[in-house]
Amino acid sequence: MFKGFVIAVLLMLGASQLDQYFCNGRYTDGTMSMLRQIRHSFRS
């Protein structure tokens, strides 16, 4: 289970780096904004 989690985290970090390089972080910024809004909706 831990191995799968580590692989998923590393893949997400790699995808983020590729996004920063090819798209100036457009998709990473959008994803982080969406996650921030989801977190705020659960905190009420």
PDB file of N, CA and C in Angstrom:
ATOM      1  N   MET A   1       0.833  -1.188   0.000  1.00  0.00           N
ATOM      2  CA  MET A   1       0.000   0.000   0.000  1.00  0.00           C
ATOM      3  C   MET A   1       0.876   1.250   0.000  1.00  0.00           C
ATOM      4  N   PHE A   2       1.894   1.260   0.850  1.00  0.00           N
ATOM      5  CA  PHE A   2       2.764   2.431   0.929  1.00  0.00           C
ATOM      6  C   PHE A   2       3.521   2.635  -0.381  1.00  0.00           C
ATOM      7  N   LYS A   3       3.918   1.536  -0.997  1.00  0.00           N
ATOM      8  CA  LYS A   3       4.639   1.611  -2.263  1.00  0.00           C
ATOM      9  C   LYS A   3       3.762   2.261  -3.339  1.00  0.00           C
ATOM     10  N   GLY A   4       2.499   1.900  -3.390  1.00  0.00           N
ATOM     11  CA  GLY A   4       1.569   2.495  -4.345  1.00  0.00           C
ATOM     12  C   GLY A   4       1.389   3.985  -4.107  1.00  0.00           C
ATOM     13  N   PHE A   5       1.315   4.378  -2.836  1.00  0.00           N
ATOM     14  CA  PHE A   5       1.174   5.787  -2.492  1.00  0.00           C
ATOM     15  C   PHE A   5       2.400   6.577  -2.938  1.00  0.00           C
ATOM     16  N   VAL A   6       3.582   6.033  -2.701  1.00  0.00           N
ATOM     17  CA  VAL A   6       4.825   6.704  -3.094  1.00  0.00           C
ATOM     18  C   VAL A   6       4.903   6.835  -4.607  1.00  0.00           C
ATOM     19  N   ILE A   7       4.514   5.800  -5.328  1.00  0.00           N
ATOM     20  CA  ILE A   7       4.523   5.866  -6.792  1.00  0.00           C
ATOM     21  C   ILE A   7       3.556   6.934  -7.289  1.00  0.00           C
ATOM     22  N   ALA A   8       2.365   7.009  -6.696  1.00  0.00           N
ATOM     23  CA  ALA A   8       1.386   8.011  -7.102  1.00  0.00           C
ATOM     24  C   ALA A   8       1.902   9.427  -6.853  1.00  0.00           C
ATOM     25  N   VAL A   9       2.538   9.638  -5.705  1.00  0.00           N
ATOM     26  CA  VAL A   9       3.077  10.962  -5.386  1.00  0.00           C
ATOM     27  C   VAL A   9       4.180  11.341  -6.365  1.00  0.00           C
ATOM     28  N   LEU A  10       5.056  10.406  -6.667  1.00  0.00           N
ATOM     29  CA  LEU A  10       6.140  10.691  -7.600  1.00  0.00           C
ATOM     30  C   LEU A  10       5.610  10.984  -9.009  1.00  0.00           C
ATOM     31  N   LEU A  11       4.594  10.261  -9.436  1.00  0.00           N
ATOM     32  CA  LEU A  11       3.990  10.535 -10.740  1.00  0.00           C
ATOM     33  C   LEU A  11       3.335  11.917 -10.781  1.00  0.00           C
ATOM     34  N   MET A  12       2.683  12.294  -9.691  1.00  0.00           N
ATOM     35  CA  MET A  12       2.056  13.615  -9.649  1.00  0.00           C
ATOM     36  C   MET A  12       3.105  14.718  -9.648  1.00  0.00           C
ATOM     37  N   LEU A  13       4.206  14.512  -8.933  1.00  0.00           N
ATOM     38  CA  LEU A  13       5.284  15.502  -8.948  1.00  0.00           C
ATOM     39  C   LEU A  13       5.895  15.620 -10.340  1.00  0.00           C
ATOM     40  N   GLY A  14       6.072  14.500 -11.006  1.00  0.00           N
ATOM     41  CA  GLY A  14       6.600  14.512 -12.369  1.00  0.00           C
ATOM     42  C   GLY A  14       5.663  15.224 -13.326  1.00  0.00           C
ATOM     43  N   ALA A  15       4.362  14.961 -13.205  1.00  0.00           N
ATOM     44  CA  ALA A  15       3.383  15.630 -14.065  1.00  0.00           C
ATOM     45  C   ALA A  15       3.372  17.133 -13.796  1.00  0.00           C
ATOM     46  N   SER A  16       3.522  17.516 -12.550  1.00  0.00           N
ATOM     47  CA  SER A  16       3.570  18.931 -12.203  1.00  0.00           C
ATOM     48  C   SER A  16       4.792  19.608 -12.832  1.00  0.00           C
ATOM     49  N   GLN A  17       5.936  18.929 -12.781  1.00  0.00           N
ATOM     50  CA  GLN A  17       7.148  19.488 -13.375  1.00  0.00           C
ATOM     51  C   GLN A  17       7.009  19.626 -14.887  1.00  0.00           C
ATOM     52  N   LEU A  18       6.410  18.635 -15.534  1.00  0.00           N
ATOM     53  CA  LEU A  18       6.190  18.729 -16.975  1.00  0.00           C
ATOM     54  C   LEU A  18       5.236  19.875 -17.314  1.00  0.00           C
ATOM     55  N   ASP A  19       4.204  20.054 -16.484  1.00  0.00           N
ATOM     56  CA  ASP A  19       3.271  21.160 -16.692  1.00  0.00           C
ATOM     57  C   ASP A  19       3.982  22.497 -16.543  1.00  0.00           C
ATOM     58  N   GLN A  20       4.836  22.619 -15.549  1.00  0.00           N
ATOM     59  CA  GLN A  20       5.581  23.867 -15.359  1.00  0.00           C
ATOM     60  C   GLN A  20       6.461  24.149 -16.564  1.00  0.00           C
ATOM     61  N   TYR A  21       7.049  23.118 -17.127  1.00  0.00           N
ATOM     62  CA  TYR A  21       7.981  23.295 -18.237  1.00  0.00           C
ATOM     63  C   TYR A  21       7.253  23.611 -19.550  1.00  0.00           C
ATOM     64  N   PHE A  22       6.205  22.847 -19.867  1.00  0.00           N
ATOM     65  CA  PHE A  22       5.545  22.980 -21.161  1.00  0.00           C
ATOM     66  C   PHE A  22       4.418  24.013 -21.191  1.00  0.00           C
ATOM     67  N   CYS A  23       3.710  24.201 -20.079  1.00  0.00           N
ATOM     68  CA  CYS A  23       2.511  25.064 -20.080  1.00  0.00           C
ATOM     69  C   CYS A  23       2.591  26.196 -19.068  1.00  0.00           C
ATOM     70  N   ASN A  24       3.766  26.484 -18.553  1.00  0.00           N
ATOM     71  CA  ASN A  24       3.951  27.530 -17.543  1.00  0.00           C
ATOM     72  C   ASN A  24       3.072  27.320 -16.313  1.00  0.00           C
ATOM     73  N   GLY A  25       2.765  26.076 -15.981  1.00  0.00           N
ATOM     74  CA  GLY A  25       2.030  25.763 -14.758  1.00  0.00           C
ATOM     75  C   GLY A  25       0.551  26.047 -14.808  1.00  0.00           C
ATOM     76  N   ARG A  26      -0.020  26.193 -15.991  1.00  0.00           N
ATOM     77  CA  ARG A  26      -1.438  26.529 -16.115  1.00  0.00           C
ATOM     78  C   ARG A  26      -2.321  25.473 -15.457  1.00  0.00           C
ATOM     79  N   TYR A  27      -2.061  24.204 -15.737  1.00  0.00           N
ATOM     80  CA  TYR A  27      -2.917  23.142 -15.217  1.00  0.00           C
ATOM     81  C   TYR A  27      -2.649  22.864 -13.744  1.00  0.00           C
ATOM     82  N   THR A  28      -1.413  22.984 -13.315  1.00  0.00           N
ATOM     83  CA  THR A  28      -1.085  22.810 -11.905  1.00  0.00           C
ATOM     84  C   THR A  28      -1.761  23.894 -11.073  1.00  0.00           C
ATOM     85  N   ASP A  29      -1.720  25.136 -11.541  1.00  0.00           N
ATOM     86  CA  ASP A  29      -2.369  26.228 -10.816  1.00  0.00           C
ATOM     87  C   ASP A  29      -3.876  26.020 -10.735  1.00  0.00           C
ATOM     88  N   GLY A  30      -4.476  25.567 -11.820  1.00  0.00           N
ATOM     89  CA  GLY A  30      -5.916  25.303 -11.821  1.00  0.00           C
ATOM     90  C   GLY A  30      -6.286  24.185 -10.873  1.00  0.00           C
ATOM     91  N   THR A  31      -5.482  23.141 -10.840  1.00  0.00           N
ATOM     92  CA  THR A  31      -5.738  22.011  -9.941  1.00  0.00           C
ATOM     93  C   THR A  31      -5.597  22.434  -8.488  1.00  0.00           C
ATOM     94  N   MET A  32      -4.559  23.203  -8.185  1.00  0.00           N
ATOM     95  CA  MET A  32      -4.366  23.657  -6.806  1.00  0.00           C
ATOM     96  C   MET A  32      -5.501  24.581  -6.370  1.00  0.00           C
ATOM     97  N   SER A  33      -5.971  25.421  -7.267  1.00  0.00           N
ATOM     98  CA  SER A  33      -7.097  26.302  -6.951  1.00  0.00           C
ATOM     99  C   SER A  33      -8.365  25.489  -6.666  1.00  0.00           C
ATOM    100  N   MET A  34      -8.598  24.458  -7.473  1.00  0.00           N
ATOM    101  CA  MET A  34      -9.767  23.607  -7.270  1.00  0.00           C
ATOM    102  C   MET A  34      -9.671  22.872  -5.936  1.00  0.00           C
ATOM    103  N   LEU A  35      -8.493  22.331  -5.617  1.00  0.00           N
ATOM    104  CA  LEU A  35      -8.326  21.641  -4.342  1.00  0.00           C
ATOM    105  C   LEU A  35      -8.494  22.593  -3.156  1.00  0.00           C
ATOM    106  N   ARG A  36      -8.044  23.821  -3.298  1.00  0.00           N
ATOM    107  CA  ARG A  36      -8.211  24.819  -2.240  1.00  0.00           C
ATOM    108  C   ARG A  36      -9.690  25.108  -2.001  1.00  0.00           C
ATOM    109  N   GLN A  37     -10.476  25.217  -3.081  1.00  0.00           N
ATOM    110  CA  GLN A  37     -11.908  25.473  -2.936  1.00  0.00           C
ATOM    111  C   GLN A  37     -12.625  24.288  -2.309  1.00  0.00           C
ATOM    112  N   ILE A  38     -12.219  23.068  -2.666  1.00  0.00           N
ATOM    113  CA  ILE A  38     -12.816  21.877  -2.061  1.00  0.00           C
ATOM    114  C   ILE A  38     -12.511  21.848  -0.566  1.00  0.00           C
ATOM    115  N   ARG A  39     -11.280  22.164  -0.197  1.00  0.00           N
ATOM    116  CA  ARG A  39     -10.898  22.180   1.222  1.00  0.00           C
ATOM    117  C   ARG A  39     -11.724  23.219   1.989  1.00  0.00           C
ATOM    118  N   HIS A  40     -11.932  24.389   1.406  1.00  0.00           N
ATOM    119  CA  HIS A  40     -12.722  25.420   2.072  1.00  0.00           C
ATOM    120  C   HIS A  40     -14.179  24.984   2.225  1.00  0.00           C
ATOM    121  N   SER A  41     -14.708  24.259   1.269  1.00  0.00           N
ATOM    122  CA  SER A  41     -16.113  23.841   1.353  1.00  0.00           C
ATOM    123  C   SER A  41     -16.324  22.824   2.478  1.00  0.00           C
ATOM    124  N   PHE A  42     -15.300  22.032   2.809  1.00  0.00           N
ATOM    125  CA  PHE A  42     -15.445  21.065   3.892  1.00  0.00           C
ATOM    126  C   PHE A  42     -15.197  21.691   5.262  1.00  0.00           C
ATOM    127  N   ARG A  43     -14.514  22.796   5.321  1.00  0.00           N
ATOM    128  CA  ARG A  43     -14.237  23.436   6.622  1.00  0.00           C
ATOM    129  C   ARG A  43     -15.394  24.272   7.128  1.00  0.00           C
ATOM    130  N   SER A  44     -16.222  24.745   6.263  1.00  0.00           N
ATOM    131  CA  SER A  44     -17.383  25.606   6.589  1.00  0.00           C
ATOM    132  C   SER A  44     -17.018  26.673   7.566  1.00  0.00           C
TER     133      SER A  44
END
